[in-house]
Amino acid sequence: MMEPETRSQVEARLKRIAGQVGGLQRMVEQERYCVDIVMQISAARAALAKVSQMVLDAHIHTCVADAFDSGNPTDREEKIAELIRVFDKNCRC
């Protein structure tokens, strides 16, 4: 579970991102200049990437750390496999 402060920060960022996405929708409806839309999409993607980093950081410091501290090899291997899947899906290799 995330620390309350981290959760609050993530929630605040997600609300801002929701506003960005709403703004993007309005830009498309208003037939704004394509490059301006693409630039705003890039900003929203960067904001989502930051949220992803924050959540992953929290996960590593809580769930993964707990699995390693438990001394249970099965729990540890599950968390390692989980992280590998996450990075594999996000890898742009």
Protein backbone atom coordinates (compact mmCIF):
# COMPACT_ATOMS: atom_id res chain seq x y z
CA MET A 1 0.00 0.00 0.00
CA MET A 2 1.14 3.53 -0.74
CA GLU A 3 2.01 5.95 1.99
CA PRO A 4 -0.81 8.48 2.46
CA GLU A 5 1.38 11.37 1.23
CA THR A 6 2.37 9.49 -1.93
CA ARG A 7 -1.23 8.49 -2.57
CA SER A 8 -2.33 12.10 -2.20
CA GLN A 9 0.36 13.27 -4.63
CA VAL A 10 -0.59 10.58 -7.16
CA GLU A 11 -4.27 11.47 -6.89
CA ALA A 12 -3.52 15.18 -7.39
CA ARG A 13 -1.39 14.46 -10.45
CA LEU A 14 -4.06 12.20 -11.93
CA LYS A 15 -6.67 14.94 -11.51
CA ARG A 16 -4.40 17.36 -13.37
CA ILE A 17 -3.87 14.78 -16.10
CA ALA A 18 -7.63 14.30 -16.40
CA GLY A 19 -7.86 18.06 -16.93
CA GLN A 20 -5.16 17.87 -19.59
CA VAL A 21 -7.03 15.12 -21.41
CA GLY A 22 -10.23 17.18 -21.27
CA GLY A 23 -8.29 20.07 -22.72
CA LEU A 24 -7.03 17.84 -25.50
CA GLN A 25 -10.56 16.81 -26.34
CA ARG A 26 -11.60 20.47 -26.54
CA MET A 27 -8.59 21.23 -28.74
CA VAL A 28 -9.66 18.52 -31.18
CA GLU A 29 -13.29 19.71 -31.13
CA GLN A 30 -12.10 23.28 -31.82
CA GLU A 31 -9.91 22.01 -34.66
CA ARG A 32 -6.80 23.52 -33.14
CA TYR A 33 -3.45 23.31 -34.89
CA CYS A 34 -2.27 19.70 -35.05
CA VAL A 35 1.21 20.39 -33.71
CA ASP A 36 -0.27 22.12 -30.66
CA ILE A 37 -2.39 19.02 -30.00
CA VAL A 38 0.62 16.73 -30.38
CA MET A 39 2.62 18.89 -27.96
CA GLN A 40 -0.17 18.65 -25.39
CA ILE A 41 -0.34 14.89 -25.88
CA SER A 42 3.41 14.74 -25.18
CA ALA A 43 2.91 16.74 -21.99
CA ALA A 44 0.12 14.39 -20.84
CA ARG A 45 2.27 11.34 -21.60
CA ALA A 46 5.15 12.80 -19.60
CA ALA A 47 2.80 13.49 -16.69
CA LEU A 48 1.52 9.89 -16.82
CA ALA A 49 5.09 8.61 -16.93
CA LYS A 50 5.86 10.56 -13.74
CA VAL A 51 2.81 9.05 -12.02
CA SER A 52 3.91 5.61 -13.15
CA GLN A 53 7.37 6.25 -11.69
CA MET A 54 5.87 7.38 -8.38
CA VAL A 55 3.63 4.30 -8.12
CA LEU A 56 6.47 1.95 -9.05
CA ASP A 57 8.75 3.60 -6.50
CA ALA A 58 6.09 3.13 -3.83
CA HIS A 59 5.61 -0.50 -4.88
CA ILE A 60 9.32 -1.25 -4.65
CA HIS A 61 9.65 0.40 -1.24
CA THR A 62 6.62 -1.41 0.19
CA CYS A 63 5.48 -4.60 -1.51
CA VAL A 64 8.82 -5.64 -2.99
CA ALA A 65 10.78 -4.73 0.14
CA ASP A 66 8.27 -6.67 2.27
CA ALA A 67 8.65 -9.73 0.04
CA PHE A 68 12.43 -9.62 0.40
CA ASP A 69 12.26 -8.97 4.13
CA SER A 70 9.87 -11.89 4.62
CA GLY A 71 12.57 -14.41 3.79
CA ASN A 72 10.02 -16.33 1.72
CA PRO A 73 11.73 -17.29 -1.57
CA THR A 74 8.40 -17.76 -3.34
CA ASP A 75 7.24 -14.25 -2.45
CA ARG A 76 10.59 -12.84 -3.49
CA GLU A 77 10.54 -14.62 -6.86
CA GLU A 78 6.95 -13.51 -7.51
CA LYS A 79 7.88 -9.88 -6.97
CA ILE A 80 10.94 -10.20 -9.21
CA ALA A 81 8.83 -11.78 -11.96
CA GLU A 82 6.24 -9.05 -11.53
CA LEU A 83 8.85 -6.32 -11.98
CA ILE A 84 10.32 -8.05 -15.01
CA ARG A 85 6.83 -8.15 -16.61
CA VAL A 86 6.34 -4.45 -15.92
CA PHE A 87 9.67 -3.47 -17.44
CA ASP A 88 9.20 -5.87 -20.36
CA LYS A 89 5.87 -4.25 -21.27
CA ASN A 90 7.34 -0.77 -20.97
CA CYS A 91 10.60 -1.45 -22.74
CA ARG A 92 11.00 0.42 -26.03
CA CYS A 93 13.99 -1.64 -27.07
